[in-house]
Amino acid sequence: MKWQDPMRPTLFGIPNCDTMKKARAWLDGHHVEYRFHDYKKDGIRKETLEAWVAELGWESLLNRKGTTFRKLPDSQKADLDAAKAIDLMYAQPSMIRRPVLDIGDRRVVGFSPQAYTALF
């Protein structure tokens, strides 16, 4: 049986990310219909990032382990706060931790089979 929702979940990320591939495979394998939002092609609205940060905190959204962040000059990495993190993620969406799954009434950052099982 397919999980269906009139407000189909949206999976945000980039297609070549290994974690994204795992999340997409899990959703496909569990017959969950979803939309895929590709940051590289579709970008991200600053208002969306602001809402996510208000809900989830910038610390959980900003991917500080990725090469894009690590390549930043130290001056851009210093004194991070919500506004600065939003600006960084808006300018370079690859700094957003992946995936972000939007199921309408809440968002989930990252992928774990246990978390997705609890949702669906």
PDB file of N, CA and C in Angstrom:
ATOM      1  N   MET A   1       0.834  -1.177   0.000  1.00  0.00           N
ATOM      2  CA  MET A   1       0.000   0.000   0.000  1.00  0.00           C
ATOM      3  C   MET A   1       0.884   1.248   0.000  1.00  0.00           C
ATOM      4  N   LYS A   2       0.511   2.245  -0.812  1.00  0.00           N
ATOM      5  CA  LYS A   2       1.266   3.486  -0.872  1.00  0.00           C
ATOM      6  C   LYS A   2       0.798   4.439   0.205  1.00  0.00           C
ATOM      7  N   TRP A   3       1.778   5.112   0.824  1.00  0.00           N
ATOM      8  CA  TRP A   3       1.440   6.187   1.745  1.00  0.00           C
ATOM      9  C   TRP A   3       1.143   7.394   0.884  1.00  0.00           C
ATOM     10  N   GLN A   4      -0.043   7.966   1.024  1.00  0.00           N
ATOM     11  CA  GLN A   4      -0.409   9.121   0.230  1.00  0.00           C
ATOM     12  C   GLN A   4      -0.905  10.223   1.135  1.00  0.00           C
ATOM     13  N   ASP A   5      -0.659  11.410   0.730  1.00  0.00           N
ATOM     14  CA  ASP A   5      -1.086  12.565   1.473  1.00  0.00           C
ATOM     15  C   ASP A   5      -1.393  13.641   0.452  1.00  0.00           C
ATOM     16  N   PRO A   6      -2.488  14.361   0.610  1.00  0.00           N
ATOM     17  CA  PRO A   6      -2.771  15.418  -0.349  1.00  0.00           C
ATOM     18  C   PRO A   6      -1.664  16.467  -0.385  1.00  0.00           C
ATOM     19  N   MET A   7      -0.999  16.637   0.721  1.00  0.00           N
ATOM     20  CA  MET A   7       0.159  17.526   0.773  1.00  0.00           C
ATOM     21  C   MET A   7       1.392  16.635   0.760  1.00  0.00           C
ATOM     22  N   ARG A   8       1.707  16.097  -0.392  1.00  0.00           N
ATOM     23  CA  ARG A   8       2.812  15.162  -0.538  1.00  0.00           C
ATOM     24  C   ARG A   8       4.093  15.718   0.078  1.00  0.00           C
ATOM     25  N   PRO A   9       4.830  14.904   0.829  1.00  0.00           N
ATOM     26  CA  PRO A   9       6.087  15.371   1.420  1.00  0.00           C
ATOM     27  C   PRO A   9       7.063  15.859   0.348  1.00  0.00           C
ATOM     28  N   THR A  10       7.909  16.769   0.751  1.00  0.00           N
ATOM     29  CA  THR A  10       8.955  17.266  -0.137  1.00  0.00           C
ATOM     30  C   THR A  10      10.300  16.939   0.487  1.00  0.00           C
ATOM     31  N   LEU A  11      11.167  16.341  -0.311  1.00  0.00           N
ATOM     32  CA  LEU A  11      12.517  16.008   0.108  1.00  0.00           C
ATOM     33  C   LEU A  11      13.459  17.032  -0.520  1.00  0.00           C
ATOM     34  N   PHE A  12      14.155  17.793   0.305  1.00  0.00           N
ATOM     35  CA  PHE A  12      15.063  18.834  -0.157  1.00  0.00           C
ATOM     36  C   PHE A  12      16.492  18.335  -0.092  1.00  0.00           C
ATOM     37  N   GLY A  13      17.265  18.584  -1.149  1.00  0.00           N
ATOM     38  CA  GLY A  13      18.666  18.203  -1.146  1.00  0.00           C
ATOM     39  C   GLY A  13      19.281  18.303  -2.523  1.00  0.00           C
ATOM     40  N   ILE A  14      20.349  17.553  -2.727  1.00  0.00           N
ATOM     41  CA  ILE A  14      21.006  17.469  -4.030  1.00  0.00           C
ATOM     42  C   ILE A  14      21.078  15.994  -4.418  1.00  0.00           C
ATOM     43  N   PRO A  15      20.958  15.710  -5.713  1.00  0.00           N
ATOM     44  CA  PRO A  15      20.792  14.312  -6.120  1.00  0.00           C
ATOM     45  C   PRO A  15      21.991  13.400  -5.888  1.00  0.00           C
ATOM     46  N   ASN A  16      23.204  13.907  -5.905  1.00  0.00           N
ATOM     47  CA  ASN A  16      24.375  13.031  -5.836  1.00  0.00           C
ATOM     48  C   ASN A  16      24.879  12.755  -4.431  1.00  0.00           C
ATOM     49  N   CYS A  17      24.247  13.307  -3.428  1.00  0.00           N
ATOM     50  CA  CYS A  17      24.646  13.109  -2.036  1.00  0.00           C
ATOM     51  C   CYS A  17      24.292  11.683  -1.603  1.00  0.00           C
ATOM     52  N   ASP A  18      25.223  10.997  -0.956  1.00  0.00           N
ATOM     53  CA  ASP A  18      24.989   9.617  -0.521  1.00  0.00           C
ATOM     54  C   ASP A  18      23.827   9.510   0.467  1.00  0.00           C
ATOM     55  N   THR A  19      23.725  10.454   1.388  1.00  0.00           N
ATOM     56  CA  THR A  19      22.626  10.420   2.353  1.00  0.00           C
ATOM     57  C   THR A  19      21.293  10.638   1.643  1.00  0.00           C
ATOM     58  N   MET A  20      21.286  11.494   0.661  1.00  0.00           N
ATOM     59  CA  MET A  20      20.069  11.720  -0.130  1.00  0.00           C
ATOM     60  C   MET A  20      19.665  10.433  -0.847  1.00  0.00           C
ATOM     61  N   LYS A  21      20.633   9.736  -1.397  1.00  0.00           N
ATOM     62  CA  LYS A  21      20.338   8.480  -2.101  1.00  0.00           C
ATOM     63  C   LYS A  21      19.705   7.468  -1.148  1.00  0.00           C
ATOM     64  N   LYS A  22      20.205   7.412   0.087  1.00  0.00           N
ATOM     65  CA  LYS A  22      19.632   6.493   1.078  1.00  0.00           C
ATOM     66  C   LYS A  22      18.199   6.888   1.426  1.00  0.00           C
ATOM     67  N   ALA A  23      17.967   8.182   1.614  1.00  0.00           N
ATOM     68  CA  ALA A  23      16.619   8.654   1.948  1.00  0.00           C
ATOM     69  C   ALA A  23      15.650   8.371   0.807  1.00  0.00           C
ATOM     70  N   ARG A  24      16.070   8.659  -0.418  1.00  0.00           N
ATOM     71  CA  ARG A  24      15.202   8.409  -1.577  1.00  0.00           C
ATOM     72  C   ARG A  24      14.920   6.922  -1.739  1.00  0.00           C
ATOM     73  N   ALA A  25      15.937   6.085  -1.526  1.00  0.00           N
ATOM     74  CA  ALA A  25      15.742   4.635  -1.633  1.00  0.00           C
ATOM     75  C   ALA A  25      14.764   4.151  -0.562  1.00  0.00           C
ATOM     76  N   TRP A  26      14.866   4.684   0.656  1.00  0.00           N
ATOM     77  CA  TRP A  26      13.952   4.292   1.718  1.00  0.00           C
ATOM     78  C   TRP A  26      12.524   4.691   1.359  1.00  0.00           C
ATOM     79  N   LEU A  27      12.341   5.928   0.933  1.00  0.00           N
ATOM     80  CA  LEU A  27      11.001   6.402   0.568  1.00  0.00           C
ATOM     81  C   LEU A  27      10.424   5.576  -0.584  1.00  0.00           C
ATOM     82  N   ASP A  28      11.231   5.336  -1.602  1.00  0.00           N
ATOM     83  CA  ASP A  28      10.771   4.537  -2.749  1.00  0.00           C
ATOM     84  C   ASP A  28      10.441   3.109  -2.313  1.00  0.00           C
ATOM     85  N   GLY A  29      11.305   2.526  -1.490  1.00  0.00           N
ATOM     86  CA  GLY A  29      11.109   1.155  -1.029  1.00  0.00           C
ATOM     87  C   GLY A  29       9.890   0.974  -0.137  1.00  0.00           C
ATOM     88  N   HIS A  30       9.468   2.067   0.507  1.00  0.00           N
ATOM     89  CA  HIS A  30       8.290   2.021   1.371  1.00  0.00           C
ATOM     90  C   HIS A  30       7.069   2.656   0.698  1.00  0.00           C
ATOM     91  N   HIS A  31       7.192   2.878  -0.605  1.00  0.00           N
ATOM     92  CA  HIS A  31       6.081   3.385  -1.431  1.00  0.00           C
ATOM     93  C   HIS A  31       5.513   4.699  -0.921  1.00  0.00           C
ATOM     94  N   VAL A  32       6.404   5.579  -0.487  1.00  0.00           N
ATOM     95  CA  VAL A  32       5.988   6.910  -0.049  1.00  0.00           C
ATOM     96  C   VAL A  32       6.156   7.857  -1.235  1.00  0.00           C
ATOM     97  N   GLU A  33       5.053   8.467  -1.645  1.00  0.00           N
ATOM     98  CA  GLU A  33       5.117   9.444  -2.719  1.00  0.00           C
ATOM     99  C   GLU A  33       5.665  10.750  -2.156  1.00  0.00           C
ATOM    100  N   TYR A  34       6.567  11.370  -2.897  1.00  0.00           N
ATOM    101  CA  TYR A  34       7.169  12.615  -2.444  1.00  0.00           C
ATOM    102  C   TYR A  34       7.623  13.423  -3.642  1.00  0.00           C
ATOM    103  N   ARG A  35       7.806  14.693  -3.403  1.00  0.00           N
ATOM    104  CA  ARG A  35       8.414  15.574  -4.407  1.00  0.00           C
ATOM    105  C   ARG A  35       9.878  15.731  -4.024  1.00  0.00           C
ATOM    106  N   PHE A  36      10.725  15.896  -5.030  1.00  0.00           N
ATOM    107  CA  PHE A  36      12.142  16.145  -4.776  1.00  0.00           C
ATOM    108  C   PHE A  36      12.467  17.574  -5.181  1.00  0.00           C
ATOM    109  N   HIS A  37      13.039  18.320  -4.259  1.00  0.00           N
ATOM    110  CA  HIS A  37      13.454  19.700  -4.513  1.00  0.00           C
ATOM    111  C   HIS A  37      14.981  19.725  -4.551  1.00  0.00           C
ATOM    112  N   ASP A  38      15.520  19.971  -5.721  1.00  0.00           N
ATOM    113  CA  ASP A  38      16.966  19.981  -5.952  1.00  0.00           C
ATOM    114  C   ASP A  38      17.498  21.397  -5.739  1.00  0.00           C
ATOM    115  N   TYR A  39      18.296  21.582  -4.681  1.00  0.00           N
ATOM    116  CA  TYR A  39      18.862  22.903  -4.409  1.00  0.00           C
ATOM    117  C   TYR A  39      19.657  23.439  -5.586  1.00  0.00           C
ATOM    118  N   LYS A  40      20.360  22.561  -6.273  1.00  0.00           N
ATOM    119  CA  LYS A  40      21.221  23.012  -7.371  1.00  0.00           C
ATOM    120  C   LYS A  40      20.407  23.583  -8.526  1.00  0.00           C
ATOM    121  N   LYS A  41      19.256  22.974  -8.799  1.00  0.00           N
ATOM    122  CA  LYS A  41      18.415  23.435  -9.905  1.00  0.00           C
ATOM    123  C   LYS A  41      17.393  24.473  -9.462  1.00  0.00           C
ATOM    124  N   ASP A  42      16.803  24.246  -8.292  1.00  0.00           N
ATOM    125  CA  ASP A  42      15.660  25.050  -7.856  1.00  0.00           C
ATOM    126  C   ASP A  42      16.000  26.120  -6.824  1.00  0.00           C
ATOM    127  N   GLY A  43      17.211  26.059  -6.260  1.00  0.00           N
ATOM    128  CA  GLY A  43      17.583  27.019  -5.231  1.00  0.00           C
ATOM    129  C   GLY A  43      16.760  26.825  -3.974  1.00  0.00           C
ATOM    130  N   ILE A  44      16.780  27.823  -3.119  1.00  0.00           N
ATOM    131  CA  ILE A  44      16.001  27.795  -1.877  1.00  0.00           C
ATOM    132  C   ILE A  44      15.641  29.237  -1.545  1.00  0.00           C
ATOM    133  N   ARG A  45      14.432  29.439  -1.098  1.00  0.00           N
ATOM    134  CA  ARG A  45      13.994  30.787  -0.725  1.00  0.00           C
ATOM    135  C   ARG A  45      14.541  31.133   0.654  1.00  0.00           C
ATOM    136  N   LYS A  46      14.930  32.376   0.810  1.00  0.00           N
ATOM    137  CA  LYS A  46      15.457  32.814   2.101  1.00  0.00           C
ATOM    138  C   LYS A  46      14.388  32.689   3.183  1.00  0.00           C
ATOM    139  N   GLU A  47      13.129  32.944   2.830  1.00  0.00           N
ATOM    140  CA  GLU A  47      12.033  32.820   3.787  1.00  0.00           C
ATOM    141  C   GLU A  47      11.881  31.380   4.275  1.00  0.00           C
ATOM    142  N   THR A  48      12.139  30.437   3.388  1.00  0.00           N
ATOM    143  CA  THR A  48      12.090  29.026   3.779  1.00  0.00           C
ATOM    144  C   THR A  48      13.170  28.731   4.803  1.00  0.00           C
ATOM    145  N   LEU A  49      14.382  29.188   4.536  1.00  0.00           N
ATOM    146  CA  LEU A  49      15.477  28.984   5.487  1.00  0.00           C
ATOM    147  C   LEU A  49      15.177  29.641   6.829  1.00  0.00           C
ATOM    148  N   GLU A  50      14.621  30.840   6.803  1.00  0.00           N
ATOM    149  CA  GLU A  50      14.288  31.528   8.056  1.00  0.00           C
ATOM    150  C   GLU A  50      13.268  30.729   8.863  1.00  0.00           C
ATOM    151  N   ALA A  51      12.262  30.181   8.180  1.00  0.00           N
ATOM    152  CA  ALA A  51      11.252  29.375   8.870  1.00  0.00           C
ATOM    153  C   ALA A  51      11.864  28.096   9.432  1.00  0.00           C
ATOM    154  N   TRP A  52      12.731  27.442   8.654  1.00  0.00           N
ATOM    155  CA  TRP A  52      13.384  26.229   9.125  1.00  0.00           C
ATOM    156  C   TRP A  52      14.246  26.520  10.351  1.00  0.00           C
ATOM    157  N   VAL A  53      14.991  27.610  10.301  1.00  0.00           N
ATOM    158  CA  VAL A  53      15.858  27.962  11.427  1.00  0.00           C
ATOM    159  C   VAL A  53      15.021  28.258  12.665  1.00  0.00           C
ATOM    160  N   ALA A  54      13.897  28.947  12.487  1.00  0.00           N
ATOM    161  CA  ALA A  54      13.016  29.223  13.621  1.00  0.00           C
ATOM    162  C   ALA A  54      12.475  27.933  14.229  1.00  0.00           C
ATOM    163  N   GLU A  55      12.194  26.941  13.389  1.00  0.00           N
ATOM    164  CA  GLU A  55      11.642  25.666  13.868  1.00  0.00           C
ATOM    165  C   GLU A  55      12.715  24.729  14.413  1.00  0.00           C
ATOM    166  N   LEU A  56      13.832  24.624  13.697  1.00  0.00           N
ATOM    167  CA  LEU A  56      14.815  23.573  13.970  1.00  0.00           C
ATOM    168  C   LEU A  56      16.129  24.066  14.570  1.00  0.00           C
ATOM    169  N   GLY A  57      16.401  25.358  14.464  1.00  0.00           N
ATOM    170  CA  GLY A  57      17.682  25.906  14.916  1.00  0.00           C
ATOM    171  C   GLY A  57      18.723  25.849  13.810  1.00  0.00           C
ATOM    172  N   TRP A  58      19.512  26.887  13.711  1.00  0.00           N
ATOM    173  CA  TRP A  58      20.504  26.936  12.640  1.00  0.00           C
ATOM    174  C   TRP A  58      21.583  25.880  12.831  1.00  0.00           C
ATOM    175  N   GLU A  59      21.833  25.504  14.079  1.00  0.00           N
ATOM    176  CA  GLU A  59      22.889  24.528  14.351  1.00  0.00           C
ATOM    177  C   GLU A  59      22.587  23.171  13.716  1.00  0.00           C
ATOM    178  N   SER A  60      21.307  22.803  13.643  1.00  0.00           N
ATOM    179  CA  SER A  60      20.954  21.511  13.052  1.00  0.00           C
ATOM    180  C   SER A  60      20.897  21.579  11.524  1.00  0.00           C
ATOM    181  N   LEU A  61      20.770  22.767  10.975  1.00  0.00           N
ATOM    182  CA  LEU A  61      20.658  22.911   9.518  1.00  0.00           C
ATOM    183  C   LEU A  61      21.975  23.162   8.807  1.00  0.00           C
ATOM    184  N   LEU A  62      22.870  23.880   9.439  1.00  0.00           N
ATOM    185  CA  LEU A  62      24.134  24.233   8.793  1.00  0.00           C
ATOM    186  C   LEU A  62      25.089  23.046   8.838  1.00  0.00           C
ATOM    187  N   ASN A  63      25.491  22.572   7.677  1.00  0.00           N
ATOM    188  CA  ASN A  63      26.400  21.436   7.568  1.00  0.00           C
ATOM    189  C   ASN A  63      27.837  21.931   7.682  1.00  0.00           C
ATOM    190  N   ARG A  64      28.362  21.872   8.885  1.00  0.00           N
ATOM    191  CA  ARG A  64      29.727  22.351   9.121  1.00  0.00           C
ATOM    192  C   ARG A  64      30.782  21.296   8.810  1.00  0.00           C
ATOM    193  N   LYS A  65      30.345  20.077   8.494  1.00  0.00           N
ATOM    194  CA  LYS A  65      31.299  19.006   8.174  1.00  0.00           C
ATOM    195  C   LYS A  65      31.602  18.935   6.682  1.00  0.00           C
ATOM    196  N   GLY A  66      30.788  19.567   5.867  1.00  0.00           N
ATOM    197  CA  GLY A  66      30.947  19.493   4.418  1.00  0.00           C
ATOM    198  C   GLY A  66      32.104  20.332   3.906  1.00  0.00           C
ATOM    199  N   THR A  67      32.558  19.999   2.714  1.00  0.00           N
ATOM    200  CA  THR A  67      33.705  20.708   2.135  1.00  0.00           C
ATOM    201  C   THR A  67      33.385  22.167   1.830  1.00  0.00           C
ATOM    202  N   THR A  68      32.144  22.466   1.466  1.00  0.00           N
ATOM    203  CA  THR A  68      31.795  23.853   1.148  1.00  0.00           C
ATOM    204  C   THR A  68      32.022  24.743   2.362  1.00  0.00           C
ATOM    205  N   PHE A  69      31.567  24.296   3.522  1.00  0.00           N
ATOM    206  CA  PHE A  69      31.761  25.078   4.743  1.00  0.00           C
ATOM    207  C   PHE A  69      33.234  25.116   5.131  1.00  0.00           C
ATOM    208  N   ARG A  70      33.892  23.987   5.073  1.00  0.00           N
ATOM    209  CA  ARG A  70      35.303  23.929   5.501  1.00  0.00           C
ATOM    210  C   ARG A  70      36.204  24.808   4.642  1.00  0.00           C
ATOM    211  N   LYS A  71      35.817  25.039   3.389  1.00  0.00           N
ATOM    212  CA  LYS A  71      36.626  25.874   2.500  1.00  0.00           C
ATOM    213  C   LYS A  71      36.421  27.371   2.719  1.00  0.00           C
ATOM    214  N   LEU A  72      35.431  27.724   3.525  1.00  0.00           N
ATOM    215  CA  LEU A  72      35.191  29.145   3.794  1.00  0.00           C
ATOM    216  C   LEU A  72      36.362  29.752   4.546  1.00  0.00           C
ATOM    217  N   PRO A  73      36.624  31.030   4.318  1.00  0.00           N
ATOM    218  CA  PRO A  73      37.636  31.707   5.135  1.00  0.00           C
ATOM    219  C   PRO A  73      37.199  31.713   6.596  1.00  0.00           C
ATOM    220  N   ASP A  74      38.168  31.674   7.498  1.00  0.00           N
ATOM    221  CA  ASP A  74      37.864  31.650   8.926  1.00  0.00           C
ATOM    222  C   ASP A  74      36.974  32.820   9.335  1.00  0.00           C
ATOM    223  N   SER A  75      37.127  33.956   8.664  1.00  0.00           N
ATOM    224  CA  SER A  75      36.327  35.129   9.015  1.00  0.00           C
ATOM    225  C   SER A  75      34.833  34.873   8.801  1.00  0.00           C
ATOM    226  N   GLN A  76      34.486  34.053   7.824  1.00  0.00           N
ATOM    227  CA  GLN A  76      33.071  33.744   7.571  1.00  0.00           C
ATOM    228  C   GLN A  76      32.552  32.676   8.535  1.00  0.00           C
ATOM    229  N   LYS A  77      33.447  31.871   9.069  1.00  0.00           N
ATOM    230  CA  LYS A  77      33.045  30.818  10.001  1.00  0.00           C
ATOM    231  C   LYS A  77      32.998  31.312  11.445  1.00  0.00           C
ATOM    232  N   ALA A  78      33.573  32.459  11.705  1.00  0.00           N
ATOM    233  CA  ALA A  78      33.649  32.983  13.072  1.00  0.00           C
ATOM    234  C   ALA A  78      32.336  33.646  13.476  1.00  0.00           C
ATOM    235  N   ASP A  79      32.047  33.586  14.757  1.00  0.00           N
ATOM    236  CA  ASP A  79      30.890  34.283  15.333  1.00  0.00           C
ATOM    237  C   ASP A  79      29.579  33.961  14.616  1.00  0.00           C
ATOM    238  N   LEU A  80      29.355  32.688  14.375  1.00  0.00           N
ATOM    239  CA  LEU A  80      28.123  32.293  13.702  1.00  0.00           C
ATOM    240  C   LEU A  80      26.914  32.526  14.591  1.00  0.00           C
ATOM    241  N   ASP A  81      25.860  32.986  13.970  1.00  0.00           N
ATOM    242  CA  ASP A  81      24.565  33.097  14.619  1.00  0.00           C
ATOM    243  C   ASP A  81      23.514  32.767  13.567  1.00  0.00           C
ATOM    244  N   ALA A  82      22.253  32.847  13.929  1.00  0.00           N
ATOM    245  CA  ALA A  82      21.183  32.446  13.006  1.00  0.00           C
ATOM    246  C   ALA A  82      21.219  33.259  11.712  1.00  0.00           C
ATOM    247  N   ALA A  83      21.359  34.564  11.825  1.00  0.00           N
ATOM    248  CA  ALA A  83      21.340  35.414  10.630  1.00  0.00           C
ATOM    249  C   ALA A  83      22.509  35.102   9.694  1.00  0.00           C
ATOM    250  N   LYS A  84      23.678  34.928  10.261  1.00  0.00           N
ATOM    251  CA  LYS A  84      24.867  34.633   9.453  1.00  0.00           C
ATOM    252  C   LYS A  84      24.753  33.239   8.818  1.00  0.00           C
ATOM    253  N   ALA A  85      24.244  32.276   9.569  1.00  0.00           N
ATOM    254  CA  ALA A  85      24.060  30.922   9.038  1.00  0.00           C
ATOM    255  C   ALA A  85      23.049  30.928   7.888  1.00  0.00           C
ATOM    256  N   ILE A  86      21.969  31.660   8.041  1.00  0.00           N
ATOM    257  CA  ILE A  86      20.968  31.750   6.969  1.00  0.00           C
ATOM    258  C   ILE A  86      21.590  32.344   5.723  1.00  0.00           C
ATOM    259  N   ASP A  87      22.365  33.413   5.885  1.00  0.00           N
ATOM    260  CA  ASP A  87      23.023  34.038   4.727  1.00  0.00           C
ATOM    261  C   ASP A  87      23.968  33.063   4.029  1.00  0.00           C
ATOM    262  N   LEU A  88      24.725  32.285   4.817  1.00  0.00           N
ATOM    263  CA  LEU A  88      25.650  31.310   4.230  1.00  0.00           C
ATOM    264  C   LEU A  88      24.890  30.226   3.455  1.00  0.00           C
ATOM    265  N   MET A  89      23.830  29.691   4.067  1.00  0.00           N
ATOM    266  CA  MET A  89      23.066  28.622   3.424  1.00  0.00           C
ATOM    267  C   MET A  89      22.314  29.137   2.195  1.00  0.00           C
ATOM    268  N   TYR A  90      21.866  30.367   2.250  1.00  0.00           N
ATOM    269  CA  TYR A  90      21.167  30.953   1.105  1.00  0.00           C
ATOM    270  C   TYR A  90      22.133  31.151  -0.063  1.00  0.00           C
ATOM    271  N   ALA A  91      23.324  31.636   0.239  1.00  0.00           N
ATOM    272  CA  ALA A  91      24.328  31.869  -0.808  1.00  0.00           C
ATOM    273  C   ALA A  91      24.843  30.560  -1.398  1.00  0.00           C
ATOM    274  N   GLN A  92      24.944  29.524  -0.563  1.00  0.00           N
ATOM    275  CA  GLN A  92      25.472  28.232  -1.009  1.00  0.00           C
ATOM    276  C   GLN A  92      24.636  27.116  -0.382  1.00  0.00           C
ATOM    277  N   PRO A  93      23.528  26.738  -1.047  1.00  0.00           N
ATOM    278  CA  PRO A  93      22.629  25.737  -0.469  1.00  0.00           C
ATOM    279  C   PRO A  93      23.273  24.390  -0.166  1.00  0.00           C
ATOM    280  N   SER A  94      24.437  24.114  -0.726  1.00  0.00           N
ATOM    281  CA  SER A  94      25.104  22.855  -0.392  1.00  0.00           C
ATOM    282  C   SER A  94      25.561  22.843   1.067  1.00  0.00           C
ATOM    283  N   MET A  95      25.471  23.979   1.758  1.00  0.00           N
ATOM    284  CA  MET A  95      25.803  24.027   3.178  1.00  0.00           C
ATOM    285  C   MET A  95      24.624  23.623   4.057  1.00  0.00           C
ATOM    286  N   ILE A  96      23.461  23.384   3.456  1.00  0.00           N
ATOM    287  CA  ILE A  96      22.312  22.931   4.227  1.00  0.00           C
ATOM    288  C   ILE A  96      22.453  21.430   4.448  1.00  0.00           C
ATOM    289  N   ARG A  97      22.346  21.010   5.681  1.00  0.00           N
ATOM    290  CA  ARG A  97      22.440  19.577   5.990  1.00  0.00           C
ATOM    291  C   ARG A  97      21.346  18.836   5.234  1.00  0.00           C
ATOM    292  N   ARG A  98      21.680  17.664   4.739  1.00  0.00           N
ATOM    293  CA  ARG A  98      20.750  16.912   3.893  1.00  0.00           C
ATOM    294  C   ARG A  98      20.429  15.560   4.505  1.00  0.00           C
ATOM    295  N   PRO A  99      19.247  15.111   4.108  1.00  0.00           N
ATOM    296  CA  PRO A  99      18.140  15.832   3.479  1.00  0.00           C
ATOM    297  C   PRO A  99      17.325  16.584   4.514  1.00  0.00           C
ATOM    298  N   VAL A 100      16.470  17.469   4.009  1.00  0.00           N
ATOM    299  CA  VAL A 100      15.411  18.052   4.826  1.00  0.00           C
ATOM    300  C   VAL A 100      14.118  17.490   4.245  1.00  0.00           C
ATOM    301  N   LEU A 101      13.362  16.809   5.073  1.00  0.00           N
ATOM    302  CA  LEU A 101      12.087  16.234   4.658  1.00  0.00           C
ATOM    303  C   LEU A 101      10.977  17.077   5.263  1.00  0.00           C
ATOM    304  N   ASP A 102      10.172  17.680   4.403  1.00  0.00           N
ATOM    305  CA  ASP A 102       9.047  18.513   4.827  1.00  0.00           C
ATOM    306  C   ASP A 102       7.777  17.689   4.674  1.00  0.00           C
ATOM    307  N   ILE A 103       7.135  17.371   5.796  1.00  0.00           N
ATOM    308  CA  ILE A 103       5.906  16.573   5.737  1.00  0.00           C
ATOM    309  C   ILE A 103       4.667  17.422   6.043  1.00  0.00           C
ATOM    310  N   GLY A 104       4.807  18.723   5.888  1.00  0.00           N
ATOM    311  CA  GLY A 104       3.669  19.613   6.057  1.00  0.00           C
ATOM    312  C   GLY A 104       3.619  20.282   7.411  1.00  0.00           C
ATOM    313  N   ASP A 105       3.442  19.491   8.450  1.00  0.00           N
ATOM    314  CA  ASP A 105       3.335  20.090   9.778  1.00  0.00           C
ATOM    315  C   ASP A 105       4.668  20.134  10.517  1.00  0.00           C
ATOM    316  N   ARG A 106       5.694  19.538   9.924  1.00  0.00           N
ATOM    317  CA  ARG A 106       7.033  19.604  10.522  1.00  0.00           C
ATOM    318  C   ARG A 106       8.086  19.183   9.513  1.00  0.00           C
ATOM    319  N   ARG A 107       9.330  19.459   9.885  1.00  0.00           N
ATOM    320  CA  ARG A 107      10.473  19.117   9.062  1.00  0.00           C
ATOM    321  C   ARG A 107      11.391  18.192   9.846  1.00  0.00           C
ATOM    322  N   VAL A 108      12.083  17.317   9.109  1.00  0.00           N
ATOM    323  CA  VAL A 108      13.053  16.407   9.703  1.00  0.00           C
ATOM    324  C   VAL A 108      14.365  16.607   8.942  1.00  0.00           C
ATOM    325  N   VAL A 109      15.450  16.802   9.698  1.00  0.00           N
ATOM    326  CA  VAL A 109      16.759  17.027   9.088  1.00  0.00           C
ATOM    327  C   VAL A 109      17.591  15.770   9.230  1.00  0.00           C
ATOM    328  N   GLY A 110      18.248  15.379   8.128  1.00  0.00           N
ATOM    329  CA  GLY A 110      19.064  14.175   8.133  1.00  0.00           C
ATOM    330  C   GLY A 110      18.211  12.961   7.818  1.00  0.00           C
ATOM    331  N   PHE A 111      18.858  11.823   7.713  1.00  0.00           N
ATOM    332  CA  PHE A 111      18.133  10.586   7.413  1.00  0.00           C
ATOM    333  C   PHE A 111      18.513   9.499   8.396  1.00  0.00           C
ATOM    334  N   SER A 112      17.495   8.839   8.907  1.00  0.00           N
ATOM    335  CA  SER A 112      17.691   7.581   9.621  1.00  0.00           C
ATOM    336  C   SER A 112      16.458   6.730   9.344  1.00  0.00           C
ATOM    337  N   PRO A 113      16.651   5.453   9.070  1.00  0.00           N
ATOM    338  CA  PRO A 113      15.506   4.587   8.815  1.00  0.00           C
ATOM    339  C   PRO A 113      14.500   4.609   9.967  1.00  0.00           C
ATOM    340  N   GLN A 114      14.992   4.686  11.207  1.00  0.00           N
ATOM    341  CA  GLN A 114      14.104   4.690  12.369  1.00  0.00           C
ATOM    342  C   GLN A 114      13.213   5.936  12.384  1.00  0.00           C
ATOM    343  N   ALA A 115      13.788   7.079  12.089  1.00  0.00           N
ATOM    344  CA  ALA A 115      13.012   8.331  12.077  1.00  0.00           C
ATOM    345  C   ALA A 115      11.951   8.290  10.976  1.00  0.00           C
ATOM    346  N   TYR A 116      12.336   7.818   9.801  1.00  0.00           N
ATOM    347  CA  TYR A 116      11.385   7.754   8.688  1.00  0.00           C
ATOM    348  C   TYR A 116      10.293   6.734   8.973  1.00  0.00           C
ATOM    349  N   THR A 117      10.631   5.615   9.594  1.00  0.00           N
ATOM    350  CA  THR A 117       9.630   4.613   9.960  1.00  0.00           C
ATOM    351  C   THR A 117       8.615   5.215  10.922  1.00  0.00           C
ATOM    352  N   ALA A 118       9.079   6.014  11.870  1.00  0.00           N
ATOM    353  CA  ALA A 118       8.177   6.650  12.827  1.00  0.00           C
ATOM    354  C   ALA A 118       7.235   7.643  12.147  1.00  0.00           C
ATOM    355  N   LEU A 119       7.700   8.273  11.075  1.00  0.00           N
ATOM    356  CA  LEU A 119       6.881   9.257  10.367  1.00  0.00           C
ATOM    357  C   LEU A 119       5.798   8.598   9.502  1.00  0.00           C
ATOM    358  N   PHE A 120       6.158   7.487   8.874  1.00  0.00           N
ATOM    359  CA  PHE A 120       5.253   6.898   7.878  1.00  0.00           C
ATOM    360  C   PHE A 120       4.748   5.545   8.338  1.00  0.00           C
TER     361      PHE A 120
END
